[in-house]
Protein backbone atom coordinates (compact mmCIF):
# COMPACT_ATOMS: atom_id res chain seq x y z
CA UNK A 1 0.00 0.00 0.00
CA UNK A 2 1.09 3.53 -0.67
CA UNK A 3 1.54 6.02 2.12
CA UNK A 4 -0.27 8.74 0.13
CA UNK A 5 -2.89 8.66 -2.60
CA UNK A 6 -3.79 11.43 -5.06
CA UNK A 7 -7.56 11.96 -5.24
CA UNK A 8 -7.34 15.30 -7.06
CA UNK A 9 -8.65 13.72 -10.28
CA UNK A 10 -11.33 11.69 -8.52
CA UNK A 11 -14.98 11.82 -9.55
CA UNK A 12 -18.06 12.08 -7.37
CA UNK A 13 -20.06 8.93 -6.81
CA UNK A 14 -22.83 8.92 -9.47
CA UNK A 15 -24.98 6.74 -7.22
CA UNK A 16 -24.77 9.03 -4.18
CA UNK A 17 -28.32 10.34 -4.70
CA UNK A 18 -29.65 6.80 -4.37
CA UNK A 19 -28.11 6.26 -0.96
CA UNK A 20 -30.33 6.01 2.07
CA UNK A 21 -30.92 8.96 4.35
CA UNK A 22 -30.89 8.50 8.10
CA UNK A 23 -34.01 9.81 9.87
CA UNK A 24 -35.53 9.48 13.30
CA UNK A 25 -39.05 8.11 13.40
CA UNK A 26 -41.23 7.20 16.36
CA UNK A 27 -43.26 4.01 15.95
CA UNK A 28 -45.56 2.39 18.45
CA UNK A 29 -44.41 -0.83 20.09
CA UNK A 30 -46.90 -3.19 18.34
CA UNK A 31 -45.75 -1.93 14.94
CA UNK A 32 -42.08 -2.52 15.76
CA UNK A 33 -42.92 -5.93 17.23
CA UNK A 34 -44.80 -6.86 14.05
CA UNK A 35 -41.84 -6.00 11.81
CA UNK A 36 -39.36 -7.69 14.17
CA UNK A 37 -41.43 -10.90 14.08
CA UNK A 38 -41.60 -10.66 10.29
CA UNK A 39 -37.83 -10.16 10.26
CA UNK A 40 -37.37 -13.40 12.22
CA UNK A 41 -39.50 -15.27 9.67
CA UNK A 42 -37.84 -13.84 6.59
CA UNK A 43 -34.27 -13.29 7.73
CA UNK A 44 -34.47 -9.69 6.53
CA UNK A 45 -33.63 -6.94 9.06
CA UNK A 46 -36.76 -5.25 10.40
CA UNK A 47 -35.59 -1.78 9.40
CA UNK A 48 -35.17 -3.01 5.83
CA UNK A 49 -38.69 -4.46 5.91
CA UNK A 50 -40.11 -1.14 7.12
CA UNK A 51 -38.22 0.65 4.34
CA UNK A 52 -39.49 -1.80 1.72
CA UNK A 53 -43.07 -1.34 2.87
CA UNK A 54 -42.83 2.45 2.91
CA UNK A 55 -41.17 2.43 -0.52
CA UNK A 56 -44.04 0.33 -1.89
CA UNK A 57 -46.56 2.78 -0.37
CA UNK A 58 -44.76 5.71 -1.97
CA UNK A 59 -44.45 3.93 -5.35
CA UNK A 60 -48.15 3.02 -5.41
CA UNK A 61 -49.13 6.45 -4.03
CA UNK A 62 -50.98 4.82 -1.14
CA UNK A 63 -52.63 7.17 1.32
CA UNK A 64 -53.62 6.37 4.88
CA UNK A 65 -57.34 6.07 5.49
CA UNK A 66 -58.30 8.61 8.10
CA UNK A 67 -61.75 8.07 9.51
CA UNK A 68 -62.47 10.70 12.13
CA UNK A 69 -65.04 9.76 14.73
CA UNK A 70 -66.79 12.66 16.41
CA UNK A 71 -67.08 12.45 20.18
PDB file of N, CA and C in Angstrom:
ATOM      1  N   UNK A   1       0.844  -1.182   0.000  1.00  0.00           N
ATOM      2  CA  UNK A   1       0.000   0.000   0.000  1.00  0.00           C
ATOM      3  C   UNK A   1       0.886   1.240   0.000  1.00  0.00           C
ATOM      4  N   UNK A   2       0.385   2.256  -0.651  1.00  0.00           N
ATOM      5  CA  UNK A   2       1.094   3.526  -0.670  1.00  0.00           C
ATOM      6  C   UNK A   2       0.835   4.287   0.621  1.00  0.00           C
ATOM      7  N   UNK A   3       1.738   5.166   0.953  1.00  0.00           N
ATOM      8  CA  UNK A   3       1.538   6.019   2.119  1.00  0.00           C
ATOM      9  C   UNK A   3       0.591   7.156   1.792  1.00  0.00           C
ATOM     10  N   UNK A   4       0.590   7.629   0.557  1.00  0.00           N
ATOM     11  CA  UNK A   4      -0.270   8.739   0.134  1.00  0.00           C
ATOM     12  C   UNK A   4      -0.935   8.400  -1.191  1.00  0.00           C
ATOM     13  N   UNK A   5      -2.160   8.842  -1.351  1.00  0.00           N
ATOM     14  CA  UNK A   5      -2.891   8.659  -2.597  1.00  0.00           C
ATOM     15  C   UNK A   5      -3.337  10.017  -3.106  1.00  0.00           C
ATOM     16  N   UNK A   6      -3.379  10.169  -4.433  1.00  0.00           N
ATOM     17  CA  UNK A   6      -3.788  11.432  -5.055  1.00  0.00           C
ATOM     18  C   UNK A   6      -5.231  11.300  -5.531  1.00  0.00           C
ATOM     19  N   UNK A   7      -6.147  11.995  -4.861  1.00  0.00           N
ATOM     20  CA  UNK A   7      -7.559  11.963  -5.237  1.00  0.00           C
ATOM     21  C   UNK A   7      -7.981  13.233  -5.978  1.00  0.00           C
ATOM     22  N   UNK A   8      -7.024  14.027  -6.418  1.00  0.00           N
ATOM     23  CA  UNK A   8      -7.342  15.301  -7.057  1.00  0.00           C
ATOM     24  C   UNK A   8      -8.103  15.111  -8.371  1.00  0.00           C
ATOM     25  N   UNK A   9      -7.948  13.978  -9.009  1.00  0.00           N
ATOM     26  CA  UNK A   9      -8.647  13.721 -10.277  1.00  0.00           C
ATOM     27  C   UNK A   9      -9.828  12.770 -10.077  1.00  0.00           C
ATOM     28  N   UNK A  10     -10.220  12.585  -8.826  1.00  0.00           N
ATOM     29  CA  UNK A  10     -11.334  11.694  -8.517  1.00  0.00           C
ATOM     30  C   UNK A  10     -12.669  12.278  -8.957  1.00  0.00           C
ATOM     31  N   UNK A  11     -13.635  11.409  -9.142  1.00  0.00           N
ATOM     32  CA  UNK A  11     -14.980  11.818  -9.554  1.00  0.00           C
ATOM     33  C   UNK A  11     -15.958  11.532  -8.421  1.00  0.00           C
ATOM     34  N   UNK A  12     -17.021  12.320  -8.359  1.00  0.00           N
ATOM     35  CA  UNK A  12     -18.063  12.085  -7.370  1.00  0.00           C
ATOM     36  C   UNK A  12     -18.789  10.791  -7.687  1.00  0.00           C
ATOM     37  N   UNK A  13     -19.304  10.169  -6.659  1.00  0.00           N
ATOM     38  CA  UNK A  13     -20.059   8.933  -6.811  1.00  0.00           C
ATOM     39  C   UNK A  13     -21.368   9.233  -7.550  1.00  0.00           C
ATOM     40  N   UNK A  14     -21.591   8.649  -8.736  1.00  0.00           N
ATOM     41  CA  UNK A  14     -22.830   8.925  -9.472  1.00  0.00           C
ATOM     42  C   UNK A  14     -24.067   8.319  -8.817  1.00  0.00           C
ATOM     43  N   UNK A  15     -23.864   7.413  -7.886  1.00  0.00           N
ATOM     44  CA  UNK A  15     -24.975   6.744  -7.218  1.00  0.00           C
ATOM     45  C   UNK A  15     -25.293   7.360  -5.856  1.00  0.00           C
ATOM     46  N   UNK A  16     -24.624   8.442  -5.514  1.00  0.00           N
ATOM     47  CA  UNK A  16     -24.774   9.032  -4.183  1.00  0.00           C
ATOM     48  C   UNK A  16     -26.208   9.469  -3.901  1.00  0.00           C
ATOM     49  N   UNK A  17     -26.933   9.914  -4.927  1.00  0.00           N
ATOM     50  CA  UNK A  17     -28.317  10.341  -4.702  1.00  0.00           C
ATOM     51  C   UNK A  17     -29.215   9.174  -4.304  1.00  0.00           C
ATOM     52  N   UNK A  18     -28.844   7.970  -4.679  1.00  0.00           N
ATOM     53  CA  UNK A  18     -29.649   6.800  -4.373  1.00  0.00           C
ATOM     54  C   UNK A  18     -29.378   6.206  -3.000  1.00  0.00           C
ATOM     55  N   UNK A  19     -28.430   6.780  -2.276  1.00  0.00           N
ATOM     56  CA  UNK A  19     -28.114   6.255  -0.959  1.00  0.00           C
ATOM     57  C   UNK A  19     -29.226   6.573   0.024  1.00  0.00           C
ATOM     58  N   UNK A  20     -29.289   5.803   1.063  1.00  0.00           N
ATOM     59  CA  UNK A  20     -30.328   6.009   2.071  1.00  0.00           C
ATOM     60  C   UNK A  20     -30.008   7.213   2.930  1.00  0.00           C
ATOM     61  N   UNK A  21     -31.045   7.808   3.473  1.00  0.00           N
ATOM     62  CA  UNK A  21     -30.921   8.957   4.354  1.00  0.00           C
ATOM     63  C   UNK A  21     -31.366   8.542   5.746  1.00  0.00           C
ATOM     64  N   UNK A  22     -30.548   8.861   6.731  1.00  0.00           N
ATOM     65  CA  UNK A  22     -30.891   8.503   8.103  1.00  0.00           C
ATOM     66  C   UNK A  22     -31.891   9.505   8.663  1.00  0.00           C
ATOM     67  N   UNK A  23     -32.984   8.977   9.239  1.00  0.00           N
ATOM     68  CA  UNK A  23     -34.006   9.807   9.866  1.00  0.00           C
ATOM     69  C   UNK A  23     -34.386   9.186  11.203  1.00  0.00           C
ATOM     70  N   UNK A  24     -34.987   9.982  12.040  1.00  0.00           N
ATOM     71  CA  UNK A  24     -35.527   9.481  13.300  1.00  0.00           C
ATOM     72  C   UNK A  24     -37.035   9.421  13.161  1.00  0.00           C
ATOM     73  N   UNK A  25     -37.604   8.286  13.515  1.00  0.00           N
ATOM     74  CA  UNK A  25     -39.048   8.112  13.399  1.00  0.00           C
ATOM     75  C   UNK A  25     -39.532   7.404  14.663  1.00  0.00           C
ATOM     76  N   UNK A  26     -40.653   7.822  15.162  1.00  0.00           N
ATOM     77  CA  UNK A  26     -41.226   7.203  16.358  1.00  0.00           C
ATOM     78  C   UNK A  26     -42.363   6.289  15.923  1.00  0.00           C
ATOM     79  N   UNK A  27     -42.255   5.017  16.279  1.00  0.00           N
ATOM     80  CA  UNK A  27     -43.265   4.013  15.948  1.00  0.00           C
ATOM     81  C   UNK A  27     -43.777   3.407  17.238  1.00  0.00           C
ATOM     82  N   UNK A  28     -45.049   3.016  17.238  1.00  0.00           N
ATOM     83  CA  UNK A  28     -45.563   2.392  18.448  1.00  0.00           C
ATOM     84  C   UNK A  28     -45.029   0.963  18.560  1.00  0.00           C
ATOM     85  N   UNK A  29     -45.013   0.463  19.797  1.00  0.00           N
ATOM     86  CA  UNK A  29     -44.408  -0.834  20.091  1.00  0.00           C
ATOM     87  C   UNK A  29     -45.012  -1.986  19.281  1.00  0.00           C
ATOM     88  N   UNK A  30     -46.354  -2.070  19.130  1.00  0.00           N
ATOM     89  CA  UNK A  30     -46.904  -3.189  18.344  1.00  0.00           C
ATOM     90  C   UNK A  30     -46.426  -3.188  16.886  1.00  0.00           C
ATOM     91  N   UNK A  31     -46.226  -2.008  16.326  1.00  0.00           N
ATOM     92  CA  UNK A  31     -45.745  -1.927  14.938  1.00  0.00           C
ATOM     93  C   UNK A  31     -44.326  -2.462  14.838  1.00  0.00           C
ATOM     94  N   UNK A  32     -43.468  -2.043  15.751  1.00  0.00           N
ATOM     95  CA  UNK A  32     -42.082  -2.518  15.756  1.00  0.00           C
ATOM     96  C   UNK A  32     -42.053  -4.023  16.006  1.00  0.00           C
ATOM     97  N   UNK A  33     -42.864  -4.494  16.938  1.00  0.00           N
ATOM     98  CA  UNK A  33     -42.924  -5.932  17.231  1.00  0.00           C
ATOM     99  C   UNK A  33     -43.356  -6.723  16.006  1.00  0.00           C
ATOM    100  N   UNK A  34     -44.326  -6.188  15.261  1.00  0.00           N
ATOM    101  CA  UNK A  34     -44.798  -6.861  14.051  1.00  0.00           C
ATOM    102  C   UNK A  34     -43.657  -7.029  13.050  1.00  0.00           C
ATOM    103  N   UNK A  35     -42.925  -5.939  12.791  1.00  0.00           N
ATOM    104  CA  UNK A  35     -41.843  -6.002  11.815  1.00  0.00           C
ATOM    105  C   UNK A  35     -40.669  -6.831  12.319  1.00  0.00           C
ATOM    106  N   UNK A  36     -40.419  -6.845  13.622  1.00  0.00           N
ATOM    107  CA  UNK A  36     -39.362  -7.688  14.169  1.00  0.00           C
ATOM    108  C   UNK A  36     -39.718  -9.164  14.030  1.00  0.00           C
ATOM    109  N   UNK A  37     -40.983  -9.511  14.255  1.00  0.00           N
ATOM    110  CA  UNK A  37     -41.433 -10.896  14.075  1.00  0.00           C
ATOM    111  C   UNK A  37     -41.324 -11.304  12.611  1.00  0.00           C
ATOM    112  N   UNK A  38     -41.705 -10.400  11.723  1.00  0.00           N
ATOM    113  CA  UNK A  38     -41.595 -10.659  10.289  1.00  0.00           C
ATOM    114  C   UNK A  38     -40.126 -10.823   9.886  1.00  0.00           C
ATOM    115  N   UNK A  39     -39.258 -10.056  10.522  1.00  0.00           N
ATOM    116  CA  UNK A  39     -37.828 -10.158  10.257  1.00  0.00           C
ATOM    117  C   UNK A  39     -37.299 -11.534  10.661  1.00  0.00           C
ATOM    118  N   UNK A  40     -37.783 -12.058  11.784  1.00  0.00           N
ATOM    119  CA  UNK A  40     -37.373 -13.396  12.225  1.00  0.00           C
ATOM    120  C   UNK A  40     -37.778 -14.455  11.203  1.00  0.00           C
ATOM    121  N   UNK A  41     -38.990 -14.311  10.657  1.00  0.00           N
ATOM    122  CA  UNK A  41     -39.496 -15.274   9.668  1.00  0.00           C
ATOM    123  C   UNK A  41     -38.713 -15.221   8.371  1.00  0.00           C
ATOM    124  N   UNK A  42     -38.416 -14.017   7.920  1.00  0.00           N
ATOM    125  CA  UNK A  42     -37.838 -13.840   6.587  1.00  0.00           C
ATOM    126  C   UNK A  42     -36.319 -13.784   6.567  1.00  0.00           C
ATOM    127  N   UNK A  43     -35.721 -13.456   7.710  1.00  0.00           N
ATOM    128  CA  UNK A  43     -34.267 -13.292   7.734  1.00  0.00           C
ATOM    129  C   UNK A  43     -33.815 -11.950   7.196  1.00  0.00           C
ATOM    130  N   UNK A  44     -34.765 -11.033   7.018  1.00  0.00           N
ATOM    131  CA  UNK A  44     -34.467  -9.686   6.535  1.00  0.00           C
ATOM    132  C   UNK A  44     -34.544  -8.748   7.737  1.00  0.00           C
ATOM    133  N   UNK A  45     -33.574  -7.853   7.917  1.00  0.00           N
ATOM    134  CA  UNK A  45     -33.631  -6.938   9.064  1.00  0.00           C
ATOM    135  C   UNK A  45     -34.930  -6.130   9.082  1.00  0.00           C
ATOM    136  N   UNK A  46     -35.454  -5.908  10.286  1.00  0.00           N
ATOM    137  CA  UNK A  46     -36.760  -5.253  10.400  1.00  0.00           C
ATOM    138  C   UNK A  46     -36.757  -3.843   9.838  1.00  0.00           C
ATOM    139  N   UNK A  47     -35.639  -3.126   9.957  1.00  0.00           N
ATOM    140  CA  UNK A  47     -35.588  -1.775   9.397  1.00  0.00           C
ATOM    141  C   UNK A  47     -35.669  -1.815   7.871  1.00  0.00           C
ATOM    142  N   UNK A  48     -35.080  -2.827   7.279  1.00  0.00           N
ATOM    143  CA  UNK A  48     -35.173  -3.011   5.826  1.00  0.00           C
ATOM    144  C   UNK A  48     -36.608  -3.315   5.424  1.00  0.00           C
ATOM    145  N   UNK A  49     -37.292  -4.146   6.206  1.00  0.00           N
ATOM    146  CA  UNK A  49     -38.692  -4.462   5.912  1.00  0.00           C
ATOM    147  C   UNK A  49     -39.569  -3.213   5.984  1.00  0.00           C
ATOM    148  N   UNK A  50     -39.347  -2.388   7.001  1.00  0.00           N
ATOM    149  CA  UNK A  50     -40.113  -1.143   7.117  1.00  0.00           C
ATOM    150  C   UNK A  50     -39.838  -0.262   5.913  1.00  0.00           C
ATOM    151  N   UNK A  51     -38.571  -0.156   5.507  1.00  0.00           N
ATOM    152  CA  UNK A  51     -38.216   0.653   4.344  1.00  0.00           C
ATOM    153  C   UNK A  51     -38.877   0.119   3.074  1.00  0.00           C
ATOM    154  N   UNK A  52     -38.862  -1.200   2.900  1.00  0.00           N
ATOM    155  CA  UNK A  52     -39.491  -1.801   1.717  1.00  0.00           C
ATOM    156  C   UNK A  52     -40.981  -1.507   1.673  1.00  0.00           C
ATOM    157  N   UNK A  53     -41.634  -1.603   2.821  1.00  0.00           N
ATOM    158  CA  UNK A  53     -43.071  -1.338   2.871  1.00  0.00           C
ATOM    159  C   UNK A  53     -43.369   0.133   2.559  1.00  0.00           C
ATOM    160  N   UNK A  54     -42.610   1.026   3.167  1.00  0.00           N
ATOM    161  CA  UNK A  54     -42.831   2.451   2.910  1.00  0.00           C
ATOM    162  C   UNK A  54     -42.519   2.816   1.466  1.00  0.00           C
ATOM    163  N   UNK A  55     -41.499   2.181   0.892  1.00  0.00           N
ATOM    164  CA  UNK A  55     -41.172   2.428  -0.518  1.00  0.00           C
ATOM    165  C   UNK A  55     -42.320   1.986  -1.419  1.00  0.00           C
ATOM    166  N   UNK A  56     -42.905   0.823  -1.108  1.00  0.00           N
ATOM    167  CA  UNK A  56     -44.043   0.334  -1.888  1.00  0.00           C
ATOM    168  C   UNK A  56     -45.224   1.304  -1.779  1.00  0.00           C
ATOM    169  N   UNK A  57     -45.478   1.806  -0.574  1.00  0.00           N
ATOM    170  CA  UNK A  57     -46.556   2.781  -0.374  1.00  0.00           C
ATOM    171  C   UNK A  57     -46.315   4.028  -1.209  1.00  0.00           C
ATOM    172  N   UNK A  58     -45.085   4.508  -1.204  1.00  0.00           N
ATOM    173  CA  UNK A  58     -44.758   5.713  -1.975  1.00  0.00           C
ATOM    174  C   UNK A  58     -44.878   5.445  -3.469  1.00  0.00           C
ATOM    175  N   UNK A  59     -44.409   4.280  -3.929  1.00  0.00           N
ATOM    176  CA  UNK A  59     -44.454   3.934  -5.345  1.00  0.00           C
ATOM    177  C   UNK A  59     -45.896   3.817  -5.844  1.00  0.00           C
ATOM    178  N   UNK A  60     -46.752   3.221  -5.026  1.00  0.00           N
ATOM    179  CA  UNK A  60     -48.153   3.025  -5.407  1.00  0.00           C
ATOM    180  C   UNK A  60     -49.033   4.199  -5.006  1.00  0.00           C
ATOM    181  N   UNK A  61     -48.410   5.243  -4.451  1.00  0.00           N
ATOM    182  CA  UNK A  61     -49.127   6.453  -4.028  1.00  0.00           C
ATOM    183  C   UNK A  61     -50.259   6.126  -3.056  1.00  0.00           C
ATOM    184  N   UNK A  62     -49.982   5.194  -2.145  1.00  0.00           N
ATOM    185  CA  UNK A  62     -50.982   4.823  -1.138  1.00  0.00           C
ATOM    186  C   UNK A  62     -51.128   5.956  -0.135  1.00  0.00           C
ATOM    187  N   UNK A  63     -52.332   6.153   0.313  1.00  0.00           N
ATOM    188  CA  UNK A  63     -52.626   7.173   1.317  1.00  0.00           C
ATOM    189  C   UNK A  63     -53.261   6.498   2.523  1.00  0.00           C
ATOM    190  N   UNK A  64     -52.958   6.963   3.715  1.00  0.00           N
ATOM    191  CA  UNK A  64     -53.622   6.374   4.882  1.00  0.00           C
ATOM    192  C   UNK A  64     -55.104   6.731   4.894  1.00  0.00           C
ATOM    193  N   UNK A  65     -55.914   5.815   5.365  1.00  0.00           N
ATOM    194  CA  UNK A  65     -57.344   6.074   5.489  1.00  0.00           C
ATOM    195  C   UNK A  65     -57.569   6.705   6.851  1.00  0.00           C
ATOM    196  N   UNK A  66     -58.059   7.901   6.855  1.00  0.00           N
ATOM    197  CA  UNK A  66     -58.304   8.609   8.102  1.00  0.00           C
ATOM    198  C   UNK A  66     -59.794   8.767   8.298  1.00  0.00           C
ATOM    199  N   UNK A  67     -60.339   7.984   9.184  1.00  0.00           N
ATOM    200  CA  UNK A  67     -61.752   8.069   9.513  1.00  0.00           C
ATOM    201  C   UNK A  67     -61.884   8.729  10.878  1.00  0.00           C
ATOM    202  N   UNK A  68     -62.339   9.956  10.882  1.00  0.00           N
ATOM    203  CA  UNK A  68     -62.475  10.702  12.132  1.00  0.00           C
ATOM    204  C   UNK A  68     -63.823  10.403  12.757  1.00  0.00           C
ATOM    205  N   UNK A  69     -63.812  10.061  14.000  1.00  0.00           N
ATOM    206  CA  UNK A  69     -65.037   9.761  14.731  1.00  0.00           C
ATOM    207  C   UNK A  69     -65.295  10.945  15.657  1.00  0.00           C
ATOM    208  N   UNK A  70     -66.488  11.535  15.526  1.00  0.00           N
ATOM    209  CA  UNK A  70     -66.794  12.658  16.406  1.00  0.00           C
ATOM    210  C   UNK A  70     -67.200  12.138  17.781  1.00  0.00           C
ATOM    211  N   UNK A  71     -66.841  12.873  18.796  1.00  0.00           N
ATOM    212  CA  UNK A  71     -67.085  12.446  20.180  1.00  0.00           C
ATOM    213  C   UNK A  71     -68.511  12.644  20.601  1.00  0.00           C
TER     214      UNK A  71
END
